[in-house]
Amino acid sequence: MSNQARSEAAFDAMGDPMRRRITETLGRGALPVGELADRLPIGRPAVSKHLKVLESAGVVEHTSVGTRNLYALAPDGLAPLQVWITETWDDVLSAFAEHVENGERP
């Protein structure tokens, strides 16, 4: 998958407020679906659906431990978002610096 496709998939996945909450919760450590659901205002089936979207976007991953699936943030899952934001911000700052150097007012 290209970097652009990875960043678009990650942004699409993170566009939902509940998926952002799931990601924030998993930032504290891996959890099974049931424990995630206990910490959120939605049930297990909805959490599972959101996890599938996040996993297909590469934001989270799961490992099987016995009969339980533990979900955690993927090590580089949010990296495409960071790269996109950094590149975009760098472009904006460069354009602003050029604007100022040319003596133009904002």
Protein backbone atom coordinates (compact mmCIF):
# COMPACT_ATOMS: atom_id res chain seq x y z
CA MET A 1 0.00 0.00 0.00
CA SER A 2 1.38 3.41 -0.92
CA ASN A 3 2.06 6.09 1.69
CA GLN A 4 -0.83 8.15 0.34
CA ALA A 5 -3.19 5.18 0.53
CA ARG A 6 -2.01 4.40 4.08
CA SER A 7 -2.57 7.98 5.24
CA GLU A 8 -6.00 8.15 3.59
CA ALA A 9 -7.04 4.85 5.20
CA ALA A 10 -5.79 6.01 8.60
CA PHE A 11 -7.54 9.40 8.30
CA ASP A 12 -10.77 7.71 7.20
CA ALA A 13 -10.58 5.32 10.15
CA MET A 14 -9.77 8.08 12.64
CA GLY A 15 -12.56 10.30 11.31
CA ASP A 16 -15.08 8.62 13.59
CA PRO A 17 -15.18 9.95 17.18
CA MET A 18 -15.69 6.49 18.69
CA ARG A 19 -12.69 5.07 16.82
CA ARG A 20 -10.62 7.96 18.17
CA ARG A 21 -11.80 7.06 21.69
CA ILE A 22 -10.87 3.41 21.09
CA THR A 23 -7.43 4.50 19.88
CA GLU A 24 -6.96 6.73 22.93
CA THR A 25 -7.99 3.88 25.22
CA LEU A 26 -5.60 1.44 23.53
CA GLY A 27 -2.84 4.02 23.94
CA ARG A 28 -2.77 2.95 27.59
CA GLY A 29 -2.21 -0.71 26.70
CA ALA A 30 -3.65 -3.75 24.94
CA LEU A 31 -7.17 -4.86 25.82
CA PRO A 32 -9.68 -7.51 24.79
CA VAL A 33 -12.93 -6.40 23.15
CA GLY A 34 -14.97 -6.94 26.32
CA GLU A 35 -12.79 -4.66 28.42
CA LEU A 36 -12.80 -2.02 25.69
CA ALA A 37 -16.60 -2.17 25.58
CA ASP A 38 -16.74 -1.78 29.38
CA ARG A 39 -14.81 1.51 29.06
CA LEU A 40 -16.93 2.90 26.22
CA PRO A 41 -20.60 3.85 25.81
CA ILE A 42 -21.13 1.19 23.10
CA GLY A 43 -21.51 -2.57 23.17
CA ARG A 44 -19.14 -5.35 22.15
CA PRO A 45 -20.55 -5.78 18.62
CA ALA A 46 -20.03 -2.08 17.85
CA VAL A 47 -16.53 -2.13 19.36
CA SER A 48 -15.69 -5.16 17.20
CA LYS A 49 -16.87 -3.37 14.05
CA HIS A 50 -14.80 -0.30 14.88
CA LEU A 51 -11.75 -2.47 15.60
CA LYS A 52 -12.08 -4.13 12.19
CA VAL A 53 -12.00 -0.71 10.51
CA LEU A 54 -9.01 0.38 12.61
CA GLU A 55 -7.20 -2.89 11.94
CA SER A 56 -7.80 -2.76 8.18
CA ALA A 57 -6.35 0.79 8.21
CA GLY A 58 -3.28 -0.48 10.06
CA VAL A 59 -3.96 1.60 13.17
CA VAL A 60 -4.48 -1.35 15.53
CA GLU A 61 -3.44 -4.97 15.56
CA HIS A 62 -4.52 -7.99 17.51
CA THR A 63 -2.85 -11.02 18.96
CA SER A 64 -4.55 -14.18 20.14
CA VAL A 65 -3.85 -15.24 23.70
CA GLY A 66 -5.69 -18.46 24.37
CA THR A 67 -9.30 -17.78 23.49
CA ARG A 68 -8.93 -14.01 23.80
CA ASN A 69 -7.97 -11.49 21.16
CA LEU A 70 -5.98 -8.60 22.57
CA TYR A 71 -6.06 -5.36 20.61
CA ALA A 72 -3.27 -2.80 20.73
CA LEU A 73 -2.10 0.18 18.73
CA ALA A 74 0.06 -0.91 15.80
CA PRO A 75 3.63 0.31 16.34
CA ASP A 76 3.62 2.52 13.23
CA GLY A 77 -0.13 2.74 12.81
CA LEU A 78 -0.38 6.49 13.28
CA ALA A 79 2.87 7.29 11.46
CA PRO A 80 1.14 8.04 8.12
CA LEU A 81 -0.99 10.65 9.87
CA GLN A 82 2.06 12.23 11.48
CA VAL A 83 3.92 12.34 8.16
CA TRP A 84 0.96 13.93 6.37
CA ILE A 85 0.47 16.55 9.10
CA THR A 86 4.21 17.34 9.22
CA GLU A 87 4.50 17.70 5.43
CA THR A 88 1.35 19.80 5.22
CA TRP A 89 2.44 22.03 8.10
CA ASP A 90 5.91 22.43 6.56
CA ASP A 91 4.29 23.55 3.30
CA VAL A 92 2.09 26.05 5.13
CA LEU A 93 5.03 27.47 7.08
CA SER A 94 7.13 27.77 3.93
CA ALA A 95 4.33 29.61 2.14
CA PHE A 96 3.94 31.94 5.11
CA ALA A 97 7.70 32.62 5.27
CA GLU A 98 7.72 33.42 1.55
CA HIS A 99 4.74 35.69 2.03
CA VAL A 100 6.52 37.57 4.83
CA GLU A 101 9.81 37.76 2.90
CA ASN A 102 7.97 39.40 0.01
CA GLY A 103 6.73 42.07 2.39
CA GLU A 104 3.12 41.07 2.01
CA ARG A 105 0.70 41.43 4.88
CA PRO A 106 -1.32 38.40 5.99
